[in-house]
């Protein structure tokens, strides 16, 4: 699996990306869907922290198992135990 760090505007049309951000001092996830009409739709994970991040990644990998786009917001980070993040 390849994980690529991108800016939100670099998520290709028709693709989804994992968005990591910090909320209430905890790393949190959401999915960014870049719809073919150009709209960006955000769906937050149901839980903050790894309890929300891991299922969100799993959901994205079910859609496209060989590639994951990752958007890191301010103060967010990619955990060291996760696969190598390209473009970081």
PDB file of N, CA and C in Angstrom:
ATOM      1  N   UNK A   1       0.839  -1.177   0.000  1.00  0.00           N
ATOM      2  CA  UNK A   1       0.000   0.000   0.000  1.00  0.00           C
ATOM      3  C   UNK A   1       0.886   1.244   0.000  1.00  0.00           C
ATOM      4  N   UNK A   2       0.519   2.214  -0.787  1.00  0.00           N
ATOM      5  CA  UNK A   2       1.246   3.481  -0.844  1.00  0.00           C
ATOM      6  C   UNK A   2       0.420   4.559  -0.157  1.00  0.00           C
ATOM      7  N   UNK A   3       1.066   5.341   0.702  1.00  0.00           N
ATOM      8  CA  UNK A   3       0.431   6.458   1.400  1.00  0.00           C
ATOM      9  C   UNK A   3       1.101   7.740   0.943  1.00  0.00           C
ATOM     10  N   UNK A   4       0.324   8.651   0.362  1.00  0.00           N
ATOM     11  CA  UNK A   4       0.864   9.913  -0.149  1.00  0.00           C
ATOM     12  C   UNK A   4       0.313  11.097   0.618  1.00  0.00           C
ATOM     13  N   UNK A   5       1.214  11.954   1.093  1.00  0.00           N
ATOM     14  CA  UNK A   5       0.843  13.195   1.748  1.00  0.00           C
ATOM     15  C   UNK A   5       0.485  14.222   0.679  1.00  0.00           C
ATOM     16  N   UNK A   6      -0.704  14.800   0.779  1.00  0.00           N
ATOM     17  CA  UNK A   6      -1.156  15.810  -0.176  1.00  0.00           C
ATOM     18  C   UNK A   6      -1.830  16.949   0.577  1.00  0.00           C
ATOM     19  N   UNK A   7      -1.956  18.090  -0.096  1.00  0.00           N
ATOM     20  CA  UNK A   7      -2.770  19.189   0.422  1.00  0.00           C
ATOM     21  C   UNK A   7      -4.210  18.917   0.011  1.00  0.00           C
ATOM     22  N   UNK A   8      -5.142  19.496   0.727  1.00  0.00           N
ATOM     23  CA  UNK A   8      -6.547  19.214   0.460  1.00  0.00           C
ATOM     24  C   UNK A   8      -6.931  19.483  -0.998  1.00  0.00           C
ATOM     25  N   UNK A   9      -6.357  20.509  -1.594  1.00  0.00           N
ATOM     26  CA  UNK A   9      -6.701  20.838  -2.983  1.00  0.00           C
ATOM     27  C   UNK A   9      -6.060  19.888  -3.992  1.00  0.00           C
ATOM     28  N   UNK A  10      -5.161  19.016  -3.530  1.00  0.00           N
ATOM     29  CA  UNK A  10      -4.501  18.040  -4.400  1.00  0.00           C
ATOM     30  C   UNK A  10      -5.187  16.684  -4.426  1.00  0.00           C
ATOM     31  N   UNK A  11      -6.246  16.508  -3.647  1.00  0.00           N
ATOM     32  CA  UNK A  11      -6.984  15.247  -3.684  1.00  0.00           C
ATOM     33  C   UNK A  11      -7.641  15.166  -5.068  1.00  0.00           C
ATOM     34  N   UNK A  12      -7.337  14.137  -5.854  1.00  0.00           N
ATOM     35  CA  UNK A  12      -7.867  14.055  -7.221  1.00  0.00           C
ATOM     36  C   UNK A  12      -9.402  13.957  -7.247  1.00  0.00           C
ATOM     37  N   UNK A  13      -9.983  14.486  -8.307  1.00  0.00           N
ATOM     38  CA  UNK A  13     -11.433  14.374  -8.499  1.00  0.00           C
ATOM     39  C   UNK A  13     -11.845  12.907  -8.446  1.00  0.00           C
ATOM     40  N   UNK A  14     -12.928  12.634  -7.770  1.00  0.00           N
ATOM     41  CA  UNK A  14     -13.437  11.276  -7.673  1.00  0.00           C
ATOM     42  C   UNK A  14     -12.742  10.411  -6.645  1.00  0.00           C
ATOM     43  N   UNK A  15     -11.776  10.963  -5.918  1.00  0.00           N
ATOM     44  CA  UNK A  15     -11.015  10.206  -4.922  1.00  0.00           C
ATOM     45  C   UNK A  15     -11.359  10.677  -3.511  1.00  0.00           C
ATOM     46  N   UNK A  16     -10.957   9.874  -2.544  1.00  0.00           N
ATOM     47  CA  UNK A  16     -11.119  10.209  -1.128  1.00  0.00           C
ATOM     48  C   UNK A  16      -9.746  10.266  -0.476  1.00  0.00           C
ATOM     49  N   UNK A  17      -9.656  10.986   0.626  1.00  0.00           N
ATOM     50  CA  UNK A  17      -8.404  11.087   1.373  1.00  0.00           C
ATOM     51  C   UNK A  17      -8.698  11.020   2.863  1.00  0.00           C
ATOM     52  N   UNK A  18      -7.714  10.558   3.602  1.00  0.00           N
ATOM     53  CA  UNK A  18      -7.764  10.590   5.051  1.00  0.00           C
ATOM     54  C   UNK A  18      -7.294  11.970   5.492  1.00  0.00           C
ATOM     55  N   UNK A  19      -8.064  12.616   6.327  1.00  0.00           N
ATOM     56  CA  UNK A  19      -7.673  13.912   6.889  1.00  0.00           C
ATOM     57  C   UNK A  19      -7.411  13.704   8.373  1.00  0.00           C
ATOM     58  N   UNK A  20      -6.213  14.056   8.812  1.00  0.00           N
ATOM     59  CA  UNK A  20      -5.879  13.998  10.226  1.00  0.00           C
ATOM     60  C   UNK A  20      -5.770  15.418  10.755  1.00  0.00           C
ATOM     61  N   UNK A  21      -6.399  15.649  11.901  1.00  0.00           N
ATOM     62  CA  UNK A  21      -6.385  16.970  12.519  1.00  0.00           C
ATOM     63  C   UNK A  21      -6.445  16.796  14.030  1.00  0.00           C
ATOM     64  N   UNK A  22      -6.140  17.849  14.743  1.00  0.00           N
ATOM     65  CA  UNK A  22      -6.168  17.810  16.192  1.00  0.00           C
ATOM     66  C   UNK A  22      -7.405  18.553  16.667  1.00  0.00           C
ATOM     67  N   UNK A  23      -8.208  17.857  17.490  1.00  0.00           N
ATOM     68  CA  UNK A  23      -9.400  18.451  18.094  1.00  0.00           C
ATOM     69  C   UNK A  23      -9.381  18.105  19.575  1.00  0.00           C
ATOM     70  N   UNK A  24      -9.545  19.104  20.410  1.00  0.00           N
ATOM     71  CA  UNK A  24      -9.499  18.901  21.867  1.00  0.00           C
ATOM     72  C   UNK A  24      -8.235  18.155  22.280  1.00  0.00           C
ATOM     73  N   UNK A  25      -7.111  18.546  21.693  1.00  0.00           N
ATOM     74  CA  UNK A  25      -5.780  18.004  21.997  1.00  0.00           C
ATOM     75  C   UNK A  25      -5.634  16.523  21.654  1.00  0.00           C
ATOM     76  N   UNK A  26      -6.488  16.000  20.771  1.00  0.00           N
ATOM     77  CA  UNK A  26      -6.405  14.598  20.381  1.00  0.00           C
ATOM     78  C   UNK A  26      -6.408  14.470  18.863  1.00  0.00           C
ATOM     79  N   UNK A  27      -5.516  13.620  18.346  1.00  0.00           N
ATOM     80  CA  UNK A  27      -5.468  13.363  16.910  1.00  0.00           C
ATOM     81  C   UNK A  27      -6.792  12.731  16.481  1.00  0.00           C
ATOM     82  N   UNK A  28      -7.389  13.261  15.445  1.00  0.00           N
ATOM     83  CA  UNK A  28      -8.717  12.859  14.995  1.00  0.00           C
ATOM     84  C   UNK A  28      -8.693  12.705  13.478  1.00  0.00           C
ATOM     85  N   UNK A  29      -9.625  11.922  12.943  1.00  0.00           N
ATOM     86  CA  UNK A  29      -9.664  11.658  11.503  1.00  0.00           C
ATOM     87  C   UNK A  29     -10.997  12.062  10.898  1.00  0.00           C
ATOM     88  N   UNK A  30     -10.938  12.315   9.609  1.00  0.00           N
ATOM     89  CA  UNK A  30     -12.146  12.456   8.803  1.00  0.00           C
ATOM     90  C   UNK A  30     -11.802  11.993   7.397  1.00  0.00           C
ATOM     91  N   UNK A  31     -12.829  11.827   6.598  1.00  0.00           N
ATOM     92  CA  UNK A  31     -12.649  11.476   5.190  1.00  0.00           C
ATOM     93  C   UNK A  31     -13.000  12.697   4.362  1.00  0.00           C
ATOM     94  N   UNK A  32     -12.118  13.002   3.418  1.00  0.00           N
ATOM     95  CA  UNK A  32     -12.386  14.058   2.441  1.00  0.00           C
ATOM     96  C   UNK A  32     -12.764  13.361   1.151  1.00  0.00           C
ATOM     97  N   UNK A  33     -13.926  13.658   0.650  1.00  0.00           N
ATOM     98  CA  UNK A  33     -14.362  13.106  -0.634  1.00  0.00           C
ATOM     99  C   UNK A  33     -14.367  14.251  -1.644  1.00  0.00           C
ATOM    100  N   UNK A  34     -13.558  14.127  -2.696  1.00  0.00           N
ATOM    101  CA  UNK A  34     -13.515  15.146  -3.747  1.00  0.00           C
ATOM    102  C   UNK A  34     -14.425  14.664  -4.880  1.00  0.00           C
ATOM    103  N   UNK A  35     -15.635  15.128  -4.842  1.00  0.00           N
ATOM    104  CA  UNK A  35     -16.634  14.657  -5.801  1.00  0.00           C
ATOM    105  C   UNK A  35     -16.343  15.161  -7.208  1.00  0.00           C
ATOM    106  N   UNK A  36     -16.859  14.445  -8.178  1.00  0.00           N
ATOM    107  CA  UNK A  36     -16.596  14.769  -9.585  1.00  0.00           C
ATOM    108  C   UNK A  36     -17.130  16.145  -9.987  1.00  0.00           C
ATOM    109  N   UNK A  37     -18.078  16.684  -9.208  1.00  0.00           N
ATOM    110  CA  UNK A  37     -18.587  18.028  -9.498  1.00  0.00           C
ATOM    111  C   UNK A  37     -17.712  19.113  -8.863  1.00  0.00           C
ATOM    112  N   UNK A  38     -16.608  18.697  -8.222  1.00  0.00           N
ATOM    113  CA  UNK A  38     -15.657  19.645  -7.642  1.00  0.00           C
ATOM    114  C   UNK A  38     -15.858  19.907  -6.158  1.00  0.00           C
ATOM    115  N   UNK A  39     -16.969  19.470  -5.592  1.00  0.00           N
ATOM    116  CA  UNK A  39     -17.217  19.718  -4.172  1.00  0.00           C
ATOM    117  C   UNK A  39     -16.333  18.828  -3.307  1.00  0.00           C
ATOM    118  N   UNK A  40     -15.920  19.373  -2.167  1.00  0.00           N
ATOM    119  CA  UNK A  40     -15.188  18.617  -1.154  1.00  0.00           C
ATOM    120  C   UNK A  40     -16.141  18.357   0.002  1.00  0.00           C
ATOM    121  N   UNK A  41     -16.359  17.090   0.311  1.00  0.00           N
ATOM    122  CA  UNK A  41     -17.276  16.708   1.379  1.00  0.00           C
ATOM    123  C   UNK A  41     -16.473  16.054   2.493  1.00  0.00           C
ATOM    124  N   UNK A  42     -16.640  16.541   3.734  1.00  0.00           N
ATOM    125  CA  UNK A  42     -15.922  16.013   4.887  1.00  0.00           C
ATOM    126  C   UNK A  42     -16.864  15.182   5.748  1.00  0.00           C
ATOM    127  N   UNK A  43     -16.392  14.017   6.165  1.00  0.00           N
ATOM    128  CA  UNK A  43     -17.134  13.142   7.068  1.00  0.00           C
ATOM    129  C   UNK A  43     -16.223  12.802   8.227  1.00  0.00           C
ATOM    130  N   UNK A  44     -16.553  13.279   9.427  1.00  0.00           N
ATOM    131  CA  UNK A  44     -15.713  13.023  10.598  1.00  0.00           C
ATOM    132  C   UNK A  44     -15.881  11.599  11.099  1.00  0.00           C
ATOM    133  N   UNK A  45     -14.793  11.057  11.639  1.00  0.00           N
ATOM    134  CA  UNK A  45     -14.834   9.735  12.268  1.00  0.00           C
ATOM    135  C   UNK A  45     -15.770   9.811  13.472  1.00  0.00           C
ATOM    136  N   UNK A  46     -16.418   8.705  13.803  1.00  0.00           N
ATOM    137  CA  UNK A  46     -17.346   8.731  14.928  1.00  0.00           C
ATOM    138  C   UNK A  46     -16.681   8.929  16.293  1.00  0.00           C
ATOM    139  N   UNK A  47     -15.375   8.618  16.386  1.00  0.00           N
ATOM    140  CA  UNK A  47     -14.644   8.768  17.638  1.00  0.00           C
ATOM    141  C   UNK A  47     -13.313   9.457  17.369  1.00  0.00           C
ATOM    142  N   UNK A  48     -12.811  10.227  18.334  1.00  0.00           N
ATOM    143  CA  UNK A  48     -11.463  10.791  18.193  1.00  0.00           C
ATOM    144  C   UNK A  48     -10.409   9.740  18.512  1.00  0.00           C
ATOM    145  N   UNK A  49      -9.158  10.069  18.259  1.00  0.00           N
ATOM    146  CA  UNK A  49      -8.048   9.188  18.597  1.00  0.00           C
ATOM    147  C   UNK A  49      -7.965   7.967  17.701  1.00  0.00           C
ATOM    148  N   UNK A  50      -7.110   7.029  18.091  1.00  0.00           N
ATOM    149  CA  UNK A  50      -6.895   5.828  17.282  1.00  0.00           C
ATOM    150  C   UNK A  50      -8.167   5.014  17.120  1.00  0.00           C
ATOM    151  N   UNK A  51      -9.078   5.101  18.087  1.00  0.00           N
ATOM    152  CA  UNK A  51     -10.352   4.376  17.983  1.00  0.00           C
ATOM    153  C   UNK A  51     -11.195   4.868  16.808  1.00  0.00           C
ATOM    154  N   UNK A  52     -10.949   6.068  16.342  1.00  0.00           N
ATOM    155  CA  UNK A  52     -11.636   6.593  15.167  1.00  0.00           C
ATOM    156  C   UNK A  52     -10.774   6.566  13.916  1.00  0.00           C
ATOM    157  N   UNK A  53      -9.461   6.709  14.101  1.00  0.00           N
ATOM    158  CA  UNK A  53      -8.548   6.768  12.960  1.00  0.00           C
ATOM    159  C   UNK A  53      -8.450   5.412  12.258  1.00  0.00           C
ATOM    160  N   UNK A  54      -8.245   4.357  13.023  1.00  0.00           N
ATOM    161  CA  UNK A  54      -8.036   3.034  12.429  1.00  0.00           C
ATOM    162  C   UNK A  54      -9.263   2.581  11.621  1.00  0.00           C
ATOM    163  N   UNK A  55     -10.496   2.677  12.147  1.00  0.00           N
ATOM    164  CA  UNK A  55     -11.646   2.294  11.320  1.00  0.00           C
ATOM    165  C   UNK A  55     -11.820   3.180  10.077  1.00  0.00           C
ATOM    166  N   UNK A  56     -11.443   4.443  10.187  1.00  0.00           N
ATOM    167  CA  UNK A  56     -11.544   5.351   9.038  1.00  0.00           C
ATOM    168  C   UNK A  56     -10.566   4.930   7.950  1.00  0.00           C
ATOM    169  N   UNK A  57      -9.336   4.583   8.334  1.00  0.00           N
ATOM    170  CA  UNK A  57      -8.354   4.095   7.366  1.00  0.00           C
ATOM    171  C   UNK A  57      -8.851   2.796   6.737  1.00  0.00           C
ATOM    172  N   UNK A  58      -9.393   1.911   7.550  1.00  0.00           N
ATOM    173  CA  UNK A  58      -9.913   0.635   7.047  1.00  0.00           C
ATOM    174  C   UNK A  58     -11.005   0.867   6.011  1.00  0.00           C
ATOM    175  N   UNK A  59     -11.902   1.793   6.292  1.00  0.00           N
ATOM    176  CA  UNK A  59     -12.970   2.124   5.344  1.00  0.00           C
ATOM    177  C   UNK A  59     -12.397   2.626   4.026  1.00  0.00           C
ATOM    178  N   UNK A  60     -11.408   3.509   4.091  1.00  0.00           N
ATOM    179  CA  UNK A  60     -10.787   4.027   2.866  1.00  0.00           C
ATOM    180  C   UNK A  60     -10.072   2.927   2.090  1.00  0.00           C
ATOM    181  N   UNK A  61      -9.412   2.014   2.803  1.00  0.00           N
ATOM    182  CA  UNK A  61      -8.685   0.942   2.127  1.00  0.00           C
ATOM    183  C   UNK A  61      -9.632  -0.091   1.515  1.00  0.00           C
ATOM    184  N   UNK A  62     -10.846  -0.186   2.003  1.00  0.00           N
ATOM    185  CA  UNK A  62     -11.834  -1.057   1.372  1.00  0.00           C
ATOM    186  C   UNK A  62     -12.206  -0.505   0.000  1.00  0.00           C
ATOM    187  N   UNK A  63     -12.198   0.810  -0.127  1.00  0.00           N
ATOM    188  CA  UNK A  63     -12.522   1.460  -1.403  1.00  0.00           C
ATOM    189  C   UNK A  63     -11.371   1.352  -2.394  1.00  0.00           C
ATOM    190  N   UNK A  64     -10.148   1.525  -1.883  1.00  0.00           N
ATOM    191  CA  UNK A  64      -8.959   1.496  -2.744  1.00  0.00           C
ATOM    192  C   UNK A  64      -7.791   0.925  -1.948  1.00  0.00           C
ATOM    193  N   UNK A  65      -7.621  -0.391  -1.957  1.00  0.00           N
ATOM    194  CA  UNK A  65      -6.657  -1.042  -1.069  1.00  0.00           C
ATOM    195  C   UNK A  65      -5.181  -0.762  -1.353  1.00  0.00           C
ATOM    196  N   UNK A  66      -4.845  -0.255  -2.521  1.00  0.00           N
ATOM    197  CA  UNK A  66      -3.437  -0.074  -2.871  1.00  0.00           C
ATOM    198  C   UNK A  66      -2.915   1.340  -2.655  1.00  0.00           C
ATOM    199  N   UNK A  67      -3.801   2.291  -2.308  1.00  0.00           N
ATOM    200  CA  UNK A  67      -3.356   3.679  -2.246  1.00  0.00           C
ATOM    201  C   UNK A  67      -4.182   4.467  -1.245  1.00  0.00           C
ATOM    202  N   UNK A  68      -3.510   5.311  -0.464  1.00  0.00           N
ATOM    203  CA  UNK A  68      -4.178   6.154   0.516  1.00  0.00           C
ATOM    204  C   UNK A  68      -3.610   7.564   0.409  1.00  0.00           C
ATOM    205  N   UNK A  69      -4.479   8.533   0.147  1.00  0.00           N
ATOM    206  CA  UNK A  69      -4.086   9.940   0.205  1.00  0.00           C
ATOM    207  C   UNK A  69      -4.281  10.408   1.637  1.00  0.00           C
ATOM    208  N   UNK A  70      -3.332  11.210   2.134  1.00  0.00           N
ATOM    209  CA  UNK A  70      -3.382  11.692   3.510  1.00  0.00           C
ATOM    210  C   UNK A  70      -3.208  13.211   3.509  1.00  0.00           C
ATOM    211  N   UNK A  71      -4.100  13.900   4.199  1.00  0.00           N
ATOM    212  CA  UNK A  71      -4.025  15.347   4.388  1.00  0.00           C
ATOM    213  C   UNK A  71      -3.782  15.581   5.873  1.00  0.00           C
ATOM    214  N   UNK A  72      -2.684  16.252   6.210  1.00  0.00           N
ATOM    215  CA  UNK A  72      -2.382  16.583   7.602  1.00  0.00           C
ATOM    216  C   UNK A  72      -2.678  18.058   7.836  1.00  0.00           C
ATOM    217  N   UNK A  73      -3.611  18.321   8.723  1.00  0.00           N
ATOM    218  CA  UNK A  73      -3.923  19.695   9.104  1.00  0.00           C
ATOM    219  C   UNK A  73      -2.875  20.180  10.108  1.00  0.00           C
ATOM    220  N   UNK A  74      -2.946  21.454  10.455  1.00  0.00           N
ATOM    221  CA  UNK A  74      -1.993  22.050  11.399  1.00  0.00           C
ATOM    222  C   UNK A  74      -1.951  21.247  12.697  1.00  0.00           C
ATOM    223  N   UNK A  75      -0.758  20.964  13.178  1.00  0.00           N
ATOM    224  CA  UNK A  75      -0.475  20.234  14.410  1.00  0.00           C
ATOM    225  C   UNK A  75      -0.771  18.734  14.337  1.00  0.00           C
ATOM    226  N   UNK A  76      -1.322  18.242  13.245  1.00  0.00           N
ATOM    227  CA  UNK A  76      -1.572  16.805  13.110  1.00  0.00           C
ATOM    228  C   UNK A  76      -0.268  16.105  12.730  1.00  0.00           C
ATOM    229  N   UNK A  77      -0.240  14.806  12.925  1.00  0.00           N
ATOM    230  CA  UNK A  77       0.956  14.028  12.616  1.00  0.00           C
ATOM    231  C   UNK A  77       0.556  12.648  12.121  1.00  0.00           C
ATOM    232  N   UNK A  78       1.486  11.981  11.477  1.00  0.00           N
ATOM    233  CA  UNK A  78       1.325  10.620  10.979  1.00  0.00           C
ATOM    234  C   UNK A  78       2.031   9.708  11.968  1.00  0.00           C
ATOM    235  N   UNK A  79       1.318   8.837  12.674  1.00  0.00           N
ATOM    236  CA  UNK A  79       1.961   7.989  13.685  1.00  0.00           C
ATOM    237  C   UNK A  79       3.103   7.154  13.098  1.00  0.00           C
ATOM    238  N   UNK A  80       4.184   7.044  13.842  1.00  0.00           N
ATOM    239  CA  UNK A  80       5.386   6.334  13.387  1.00  0.00           C
ATOM    240  C   UNK A  80       5.113   4.869  13.091  1.00  0.00           C
ATOM    241  N   UNK A  81       4.138   4.275  13.747  1.00  0.00           N
ATOM    242  CA  UNK A  81       3.841   2.857  13.544  1.00  0.00           C
ATOM    243  C   UNK A  81       3.075   2.597  12.249  1.00  0.00           C
ATOM    244  N   UNK A  82       2.590   3.652  11.595  1.00  0.00           N
ATOM    245  CA  UNK A  82       1.860   3.511  10.338  1.00  0.00           C
ATOM    246  C   UNK A  82       2.856   3.338   9.189  1.00  0.00           C
ATOM    247  N   UNK A  83       2.410   2.851   8.017  1.00  0.00           N
ATOM    248  CA  UNK A  83       3.309   2.713   6.863  1.00  0.00           C
ATOM    249  C   UNK A  83       3.950   4.052   6.485  1.00  0.00           C
ATOM    250  N   UNK A  84       5.083   3.964   5.796  1.00  0.00           N
ATOM    251  CA  UNK A  84       5.810   5.173   5.384  1.00  0.00           C
ATOM    252  C   UNK A  84       4.895   6.102   4.595  1.00  0.00           C
ATOM    253  N   UNK A  85       5.002   7.392   4.897  1.00  0.00           N
ATOM    254  CA  UNK A  85       4.204   8.422   4.236  1.00  0.00           C
ATOM    255  C   UNK A  85       5.075   9.119   3.197  1.00  0.00           C
ATOM    256  N   UNK A  86       4.749   8.973   1.920  1.00  0.00           N
ATOM    257  CA  UNK A  86       5.517   9.588   0.834  1.00  0.00           C
ATOM    258  C   UNK A  86       5.136  11.051   0.685  1.00  0.00           C
ATOM    259  N   UNK A  87       6.118  11.862   0.403  1.00  0.00           N
ATOM    260  CA  UNK A  87       5.877  13.279   0.212  1.00  0.00           C
ATOM    261  C   UNK A  87       5.969  14.063   1.503  1.00  0.00           C
ATOM    262  N   UNK A  88       6.334  13.385   2.589  1.00  0.00           N
ATOM    263  CA  UNK A  88       6.412  14.061   3.884  1.00  0.00           C
ATOM    264  C   UNK A  88       7.743  14.758   4.061  1.00  0.00           C
TER     265      UNK A  88
END
